[in-house]
N, C-alpha and C. Protein backbone atom coordinates (compact mmCIF):
# COMPACT_ATOMS: atom_id res chain seq x y z
N ALA A 1 0.83 -1.20 0.00
CA ALA A 1 0.00 0.00 0.00
C ALA A 1 0.87 1.25 0.00
N GLU A 2 2.02 1.17 0.66
CA GLU A 2 2.90 2.33 0.72
C GLU A 2 3.41 2.70 -0.68
N ASP A 3 3.74 1.69 -1.49
CA ASP A 3 4.19 1.96 -2.86
C ASP A 3 3.10 2.65 -3.67
N ALA A 4 1.87 2.18 -3.52
CA ALA A 4 0.75 2.78 -4.26
C ALA A 4 0.53 4.22 -3.80
N ASP A 5 0.64 4.46 -2.51
CA ASP A 5 0.46 5.81 -1.98
C ASP A 5 1.53 6.75 -2.53
N LEU A 6 2.77 6.31 -2.52
CA LEU A 6 3.86 7.13 -3.04
C LEU A 6 3.68 7.38 -4.53
N THR A 7 3.29 6.36 -5.26
CA THR A 7 3.06 6.50 -6.70
C THR A 7 1.97 7.53 -6.97
N MET A 8 0.89 7.49 -6.20
CA MET A 8 -0.21 8.45 -6.39
C MET A 8 0.24 9.86 -6.05
N ARG A 9 1.02 10.01 -5.00
CA ARG A 9 1.51 11.34 -4.64
C ARG A 9 2.40 11.90 -5.75
N LEU A 10 3.29 11.07 -6.27
CA LEU A 10 4.15 11.51 -7.36
C LEU A 10 3.35 11.84 -8.61
N TYR A 11 2.32 11.05 -8.87
CA TYR A 11 1.46 11.32 -10.03
C TYR A 11 0.88 12.73 -9.95
N HIS A 12 0.36 13.08 -8.78
CA HIS A 12 -0.25 14.41 -8.63
C HIS A 12 0.78 15.53 -8.79
N ILE A 13 1.98 15.30 -8.28
CA ILE A 13 3.04 16.30 -8.44
C ILE A 13 3.43 16.46 -9.90
N PHE A 14 3.67 15.34 -10.56
CA PHE A 14 4.12 15.40 -11.95
C PHE A 14 3.01 15.82 -12.90
N GLU A 15 1.78 15.43 -12.64
CA GLU A 15 0.66 15.82 -13.50
C GLU A 15 0.50 17.33 -13.48
N ALA A 16 0.61 17.93 -12.30
CA ALA A 16 0.50 19.39 -12.20
C ALA A 16 1.65 20.06 -12.94
N ARG A 17 2.84 19.52 -12.79
CA ARG A 17 4.00 20.09 -13.47
C ARG A 17 3.89 19.93 -14.98
N LEU A 18 3.44 18.77 -15.43
CA LEU A 18 3.27 18.56 -16.87
C LEU A 18 2.26 19.56 -17.44
N SER A 19 1.18 19.78 -16.72
CA SER A 19 0.16 20.71 -17.19
C SER A 19 0.70 22.13 -17.25
N SER A 20 1.44 22.54 -16.22
CA SER A 20 1.95 23.90 -16.20
C SER A 20 2.99 24.13 -17.30
N GLU A 21 3.68 23.10 -17.69
CA GLU A 21 4.69 23.22 -18.75
C GLU A 21 4.15 22.81 -20.11
N ARG A 22 2.87 22.53 -20.19
CA ARG A 22 2.17 22.13 -21.42
C ARG A 22 2.78 20.86 -22.02
N ALA A 23 3.46 20.09 -21.22
CA ALA A 23 4.03 18.83 -21.69
C ALA A 23 3.03 17.70 -21.58
N ASN A 24 1.90 17.95 -20.94
CA ASN A 24 0.89 16.91 -20.79
C ASN A 24 0.32 16.47 -22.14
N LEU A 25 0.45 17.30 -23.16
CA LEU A 25 -0.03 16.92 -24.49
C LEU A 25 0.77 15.73 -25.01
N ILE A 26 2.07 15.74 -24.79
CA ILE A 26 2.91 14.62 -25.21
C ILE A 26 2.51 13.37 -24.44
N TYR A 27 2.32 13.53 -23.15
CA TYR A 27 1.94 12.40 -22.30
C TYR A 27 0.61 11.79 -22.76
N HIS A 28 -0.38 12.65 -22.98
CA HIS A 28 -1.71 12.15 -23.33
C HIS A 28 -1.84 11.73 -24.80
N ASP A 29 -1.13 12.42 -25.69
CA ASP A 29 -1.27 12.15 -27.13
C ASP A 29 -0.31 11.10 -27.66
N ILE A 30 0.83 10.91 -26.98
CA ILE A 30 1.84 9.96 -27.47
C ILE A 30 2.09 8.83 -26.48
N ASP A 31 2.46 9.19 -25.26
CA ASP A 31 2.87 8.17 -24.29
C ASP A 31 1.75 7.21 -23.93
N LEU A 32 0.59 7.72 -23.54
CA LEU A 32 -0.51 6.83 -23.14
C LEU A 32 -1.02 5.95 -24.28
N PRO A 33 -1.25 6.50 -25.48
CA PRO A 33 -1.76 5.64 -26.56
C PRO A 33 -0.80 4.52 -26.98
N ILE A 34 0.49 4.69 -26.75
CA ILE A 34 1.44 3.67 -27.22
C ILE A 34 1.55 2.50 -26.23
N ILE A 35 1.00 2.63 -25.05
CA ILE A 35 1.08 1.56 -24.06
C ILE A 35 0.53 0.24 -24.58
N PRO A 36 -0.66 0.19 -25.18
CA PRO A 36 -1.15 -1.09 -25.69
C PRO A 36 -0.26 -1.69 -26.78
N VAL A 37 0.34 -0.83 -27.59
CA VAL A 37 1.23 -1.30 -28.66
C VAL A 37 2.45 -1.98 -28.05
N ILE A 38 3.04 -1.33 -27.06
CA ILE A 38 4.23 -1.90 -26.41
C ILE A 38 3.86 -3.18 -25.67
N ALA A 39 2.72 -3.20 -25.03
CA ALA A 39 2.27 -4.41 -24.32
C ALA A 39 2.09 -5.56 -25.29
N ARG A 40 1.52 -5.29 -26.47
CA ARG A 40 1.33 -6.33 -27.48
C ARG A 40 2.68 -6.83 -27.99
N MET A 41 3.62 -5.91 -28.17
CA MET A 41 4.97 -6.30 -28.61
C MET A 41 5.65 -7.19 -27.56
N GLU A 42 5.48 -6.85 -26.29
CA GLU A 42 6.08 -7.65 -25.23
C GLU A 42 5.43 -9.04 -25.17
N TYR A 43 4.15 -9.09 -25.43
CA TYR A 43 3.42 -10.36 -25.36
C TYR A 43 3.78 -11.27 -26.54
N THR A 44 3.78 -10.71 -27.75
CA THR A 44 4.00 -11.53 -28.94
C THR A 44 5.46 -11.62 -29.34
N GLY A 45 6.27 -10.67 -28.88
CA GLY A 45 7.68 -10.65 -29.25
C GLY A 45 7.89 -9.82 -30.51
N VAL A 46 9.13 -9.57 -30.80
CA VAL A 46 9.49 -8.80 -31.99
C VAL A 46 10.59 -9.55 -32.73
N ARG A 47 10.67 -9.33 -34.01
CA ARG A 47 11.72 -9.95 -34.81
C ARG A 47 12.80 -8.91 -35.05
N VAL A 48 14.04 -9.31 -34.84
CA VAL A 48 15.17 -8.41 -35.04
C VAL A 48 15.95 -8.86 -36.26
N ASP A 49 16.16 -7.96 -37.19
CA ASP A 49 16.95 -8.24 -38.38
C ASP A 49 18.41 -8.05 -38.00
N THR A 50 19.06 -9.14 -37.61
CA THR A 50 20.43 -9.05 -37.11
C THR A 50 21.42 -8.61 -38.19
N VAL A 51 21.18 -8.99 -39.44
CA VAL A 51 22.07 -8.57 -40.53
C VAL A 51 22.01 -7.05 -40.69
N LEU A 52 20.80 -6.52 -40.72
CA LEU A 52 20.63 -5.07 -40.84
C LEU A 52 21.21 -4.37 -39.62
N LEU A 53 20.98 -4.92 -38.44
CA LEU A 53 21.50 -4.33 -37.21
C LEU A 53 23.03 -4.27 -37.23
N GLN A 54 23.68 -5.32 -37.71
CA GLN A 54 25.14 -5.33 -37.82
C GLN A 54 25.62 -4.29 -38.82
N LYS A 55 24.91 -4.17 -39.95
CA LYS A 55 25.28 -3.17 -40.96
C LYS A 55 25.14 -1.76 -40.40
N LEU A 56 24.05 -1.50 -39.70
CA LEU A 56 23.85 -0.19 -39.09
C LEU A 56 24.94 0.11 -38.08
N SER A 57 25.28 -0.89 -37.28
CA SER A 57 26.34 -0.71 -36.28
C SER A 57 27.65 -0.35 -36.96
N HIS A 58 27.97 -1.04 -38.04
CA HIS A 58 29.20 -0.75 -38.78
C HIS A 58 29.16 0.66 -39.36
N ASP A 59 28.05 1.01 -39.99
CA ASP A 59 27.91 2.34 -40.61
C ASP A 59 28.01 3.45 -39.55
N PHE A 60 27.33 3.26 -38.42
CA PHE A 60 27.38 4.26 -37.36
C PHE A 60 28.79 4.39 -36.80
N GLY A 61 29.49 3.27 -36.70
CA GLY A 61 30.87 3.29 -36.24
C GLY A 61 31.76 4.11 -37.15
N GLU A 62 31.58 3.93 -38.45
CA GLU A 62 32.36 4.71 -39.42
C GLU A 62 32.01 6.20 -39.33
N GLN A 63 30.74 6.51 -39.18
CA GLN A 63 30.33 7.91 -39.04
C GLN A 63 30.92 8.52 -37.77
N LEU A 64 30.96 7.75 -36.70
CA LEU A 64 31.51 8.23 -35.45
C LEU A 64 32.99 8.57 -35.59
N VAL A 65 33.74 7.69 -36.26
CA VAL A 65 35.16 7.95 -36.49
C VAL A 65 35.35 9.23 -37.30
N ALA A 66 34.53 9.42 -38.33
CA ALA A 66 34.63 10.61 -39.16
C ALA A 66 34.28 11.86 -38.36
N LEU A 67 33.24 11.79 -37.55
CA LEU A 67 32.85 12.94 -36.72
C LEU A 67 33.94 13.29 -35.71
N GLU A 68 34.54 12.27 -35.10
CA GLU A 68 35.62 12.52 -34.14
C GLU A 68 36.79 13.22 -34.84
N ALA A 69 37.11 12.78 -36.05
CA ALA A 69 38.20 13.42 -36.81
C ALA A 69 37.86 14.88 -37.10
N ASP A 70 36.61 15.15 -37.49
CA ASP A 70 36.18 16.53 -37.75
C ASP A 70 36.27 17.38 -36.49
N ILE A 71 35.88 16.82 -35.36
CA ILE A 71 35.91 17.57 -34.10
C ILE A 71 37.35 17.88 -33.71
N HIS A 72 38.23 16.89 -33.84
CA HIS A 72 39.63 17.11 -33.50
C HIS A 72 40.25 18.15 -34.44
N ALA A 73 39.89 18.11 -35.71
CA ALA A 73 40.41 19.09 -36.67
C ALA A 73 39.91 20.49 -36.32
N ALA A 74 38.63 20.60 -35.96
CA ALA A 74 38.07 21.91 -35.60
C ALA A 74 38.72 22.45 -34.33
N ALA A 75 39.04 21.55 -33.38
CA ALA A 75 39.68 21.96 -32.14
C ALA A 75 41.16 22.25 -32.34
N GLY A 76 41.74 21.69 -33.39
CA GLY A 76 43.15 21.88 -33.65
C GLY A 76 44.05 20.87 -32.96
N HIS A 77 43.42 19.94 -32.23
CA HIS A 77 44.18 18.91 -31.53
C HIS A 77 43.21 17.84 -31.02
N PRO A 78 43.72 16.66 -30.74
CA PRO A 78 42.85 15.62 -30.16
C PRO A 78 42.34 16.04 -28.80
N LEU A 79 41.13 15.71 -28.48
CA LEU A 79 40.53 16.11 -27.21
C LEU A 79 40.71 15.07 -26.12
N MET A 80 41.30 13.96 -26.45
CA MET A 80 41.45 12.91 -25.43
C MET A 80 42.70 13.04 -24.69
């Protein structure tokens, strides 16, 4: 019961803050509606394309190396 009480207290604090910052639109329009989708994904599982994932990892790694080189060139020296 203590966990539920704390959760409810936090809900009221954060709900008021979300409303005052107009962020409640994201919560109500995006976060809440996606809950059933995520629950269905957890229940049925998802398929991961490991070949594509490996290719993306390789591509992102190459981009990271290039970005680091650009940053070091802009700084005039390595930052590490």
